[in-house]
Amino acid sequence: SNKGSKRLRFSGSSELITIEPNSGEEKSAAWYTNTKISTFKKENCLICQALRNTRTAKAMKLIAHSVSTGSPQANIHIRGKESIHGIEHLISPAVSECALRWRWKTIKRVLEAQWIDPSSVAQISTINSRFSKEWCYRVARFQQGD
């Protein structure tokens, strides 16, 4: 036996715990309604439209360009920048287009790899996900003010 190696064992016994089903009221309190989700989406669109021509939107465009071209990113410092966590890619149409273009490229290459060499799918996905990973990293640095 190797010291430090991990082993997996399954228990010979099991335990069954039963619970009462949630009432309709409990279910509705735990999940958003379709109307509420629709309201979130409409509010998100309004926020994104309001932020479209801000300095922060222009910074997102610069970040997306540097990531997609593989070039180093210039230091971007904006005082009083808007907090845009989660909608970074939506406030600039150019950034949305860039992200979608990279996503579709990745999907296409992964699907092609499935036919050519299924064992390479994970590697192809990792290589082609470079844009998403680098985008997240650079946006986080920008948000933190580095």
Protein backbone atom coordinates (compact mmCIF):
# COMPACT_ATOMS: atom_id res chain seq x y z
CA SER A 1 0.00 0.00 0.00
CA ASN A 2 1.27 3.49 -0.90
CA LYS A 3 1.55 5.90 2.00
CA GLY A 4 -0.53 9.01 1.44
CA SER A 5 -2.62 7.45 -1.34
CA LYS A 6 -6.33 8.05 -1.10
CA ARG A 7 -8.81 5.21 -1.14
CA LEU A 8 -12.51 5.15 -1.69
CA ARG A 9 -14.75 2.86 0.32
CA PHE A 10 -18.50 2.45 0.31
CA SER A 11 -20.44 1.89 3.49
CA GLY A 12 -22.30 -1.39 3.81
CA SER A 13 -25.23 0.35 5.51
CA SER A 14 -27.52 3.11 4.32
CA GLU A 15 -30.05 5.38 5.90
CA LEU A 16 -33.30 6.66 4.42
CA ILE A 17 -34.65 10.00 5.56
CA THR A 18 -38.16 10.96 4.48
CA ILE A 19 -39.47 14.50 4.43
CA GLU A 20 -42.88 15.94 3.84
CA PRO A 21 -43.33 17.56 0.43
CA ASN A 22 -43.29 21.35 0.40
CA SER A 23 -46.59 23.14 0.29
CA GLY A 24 -47.42 25.28 -2.73
CA GLU A 25 -46.73 28.38 -0.63
CA GLU A 26 -43.26 27.13 0.36
CA LYS A 27 -42.45 26.31 -3.27
CA SER A 28 -43.52 29.73 -4.51
CA ALA A 29 -41.45 31.40 -1.78
CA ALA A 30 -38.35 29.43 -2.82
CA TRP A 31 -38.50 30.09 -6.59
CA TYR A 32 -38.91 33.22 -8.70
CA THR A 33 -42.05 33.44 -10.79
CA ASN A 34 -41.88 33.87 -14.56
CA THR A 35 -43.16 37.41 -14.09
CA LYS A 36 -40.38 38.22 -11.62
CA ILE A 37 -37.74 36.75 -13.95
CA SER A 38 -39.13 38.80 -16.83
CA THR A 39 -38.93 41.92 -14.64
CA PHE A 40 -35.27 41.15 -13.80
CA LYS A 41 -34.47 40.84 -17.49
CA LYS A 42 -36.20 44.11 -18.40
CA GLU A 43 -34.43 45.96 -15.58
CA ASN A 44 -31.11 44.45 -16.66
CA CYS A 45 -31.66 45.72 -20.23
CA LEU A 46 -32.44 49.23 -18.95
CA ILE A 47 -29.33 49.25 -16.77
CA CYS A 48 -27.16 48.05 -19.66
CA GLN A 49 -28.58 50.72 -21.98
CA ALA A 50 -27.91 53.40 -19.39
CA LEU A 51 -24.29 52.24 -19.07
CA ARG A 52 -23.60 51.82 -22.81
CA ASN A 53 -21.60 55.01 -23.37
CA THR A 54 -19.86 55.28 -20.03
CA ARG A 55 -16.12 55.19 -19.44
CA THR A 56 -16.57 51.76 -17.90
CA ALA A 57 -18.21 50.44 -21.10
CA LYS A 58 -15.32 51.82 -23.13
CA ALA A 59 -12.89 50.12 -20.74
CA MET A 60 -14.70 46.80 -21.25
CA LYS A 61 -14.31 47.23 -25.00
CA LEU A 62 -10.56 47.84 -24.60
CA ILE A 63 -10.23 44.79 -22.36
CA ALA A 64 -12.12 42.58 -24.83
CA HIS A 65 -9.96 43.81 -27.71
CA SER A 66 -6.71 43.14 -25.85
CA VAL A 67 -7.88 39.66 -24.84
CA SER A 68 -9.09 38.69 -28.32
CA THR A 69 -5.87 39.88 -29.96
CA GLY A 70 -3.67 38.40 -27.23
CA SER A 71 -2.05 41.76 -26.62
CA PRO A 72 -1.04 43.11 -23.23
CA GLN A 73 -3.61 45.31 -21.61
CA ALA A 74 -2.89 48.93 -20.90
CA ASN A 75 -3.45 50.04 -17.32
CA ILE A 76 -6.95 51.46 -17.09
CA HIS A 77 -7.74 53.63 -14.09
CA ILE A 78 -11.18 55.17 -13.80
CA ARG A 79 -12.19 57.08 -10.71
CA GLY A 80 -15.79 56.58 -9.67
CA LYS A 81 -16.39 53.75 -12.12
CA GLU A 82 -19.77 52.05 -12.17
CA SER A 83 -20.16 48.69 -10.46
CA ILE A 84 -21.05 46.30 -13.25
CA HIS A 85 -20.49 42.84 -11.79
CA GLY A 86 -22.21 40.25 -13.95
CA ILE A 87 -23.10 42.55 -16.85
CA GLU A 88 -19.61 43.47 -18.02
CA HIS A 89 -20.15 41.77 -21.37
CA LEU A 90 -23.58 43.34 -21.91
CA ILE A 91 -22.85 47.04 -21.59
CA SER A 92 -20.94 47.19 -24.86
CA PRO A 93 -22.36 45.61 -28.03
CA ALA A 94 -18.81 45.13 -29.33
CA VAL A 95 -17.88 43.14 -26.20
CA SER A 96 -21.02 40.99 -26.51
CA GLU A 97 -20.23 40.25 -30.15
CA CYS A 98 -16.63 39.38 -29.32
CA ALA A 99 -17.63 37.04 -26.47
CA LEU A 100 -20.26 35.32 -28.61
CA ARG A 101 -17.84 34.92 -31.50
CA TRP A 102 -15.30 33.22 -29.19
CA ARG A 103 -18.00 31.04 -27.61
CA TRP A 104 -19.21 29.80 -31.00
CA LYS A 105 -15.61 29.18 -32.13
CA THR A 106 -15.04 27.06 -29.03
CA ILE A 107 -18.27 25.10 -29.53
CA LYS A 108 -17.45 24.50 -33.22
CA ARG A 109 -13.93 23.27 -32.45
CA VAL A 110 -15.11 20.99 -29.64
CA LEU A 111 -17.79 19.46 -31.89
CA GLU A 112 -15.21 18.95 -34.66
CA ALA A 113 -12.84 17.31 -32.18
CA GLN A 114 -15.56 14.88 -31.11
CA TRP A 115 -15.60 13.49 -34.66
CA ILE A 116 -11.87 13.63 -35.35
CA ASP A 117 -10.31 12.65 -32.01
CA PRO A 118 -12.74 12.27 -29.08
CA SER A 119 -9.85 11.94 -26.63
CA SER A 120 -8.77 15.52 -27.45
CA VAL A 121 -12.09 17.21 -26.58
CA ALA A 122 -11.02 18.37 -23.11
CA GLN A 123 -7.75 19.75 -24.42
CA ILE A 124 -9.46 21.52 -27.35
CA SER A 125 -12.04 23.01 -24.98
CA THR A 126 -9.35 24.25 -22.60
CA ILE A 127 -7.30 25.84 -25.38
CA ASN A 128 -10.31 27.49 -26.97
CA SER A 129 -11.71 28.75 -23.65
CA ARG A 130 -8.71 31.07 -23.37
CA PHE A 131 -10.80 34.14 -24.17
CA SER A 132 -13.31 33.47 -21.37
CA LYS A 133 -10.65 32.76 -18.77
CA GLU A 134 -8.52 35.76 -19.69
CA TRP A 135 -11.61 38.00 -19.94
CA CYS A 136 -12.69 37.05 -16.41
CA TYR A 137 -9.19 37.59 -15.05
CA ARG A 138 -8.75 41.03 -16.64
CA VAL A 139 -12.25 42.25 -15.74
CA ALA A 140 -11.70 41.20 -12.13
CA ARG A 141 -8.40 43.14 -12.06
CA PHE A 142 -10.16 46.17 -13.52
CA GLN A 143 -13.01 45.93 -10.98
CA GLN A 144 -10.51 45.74 -8.12
CA GLY A 145 -8.73 48.82 -9.40
CA ASP A 146 -5.37 47.21 -10.25
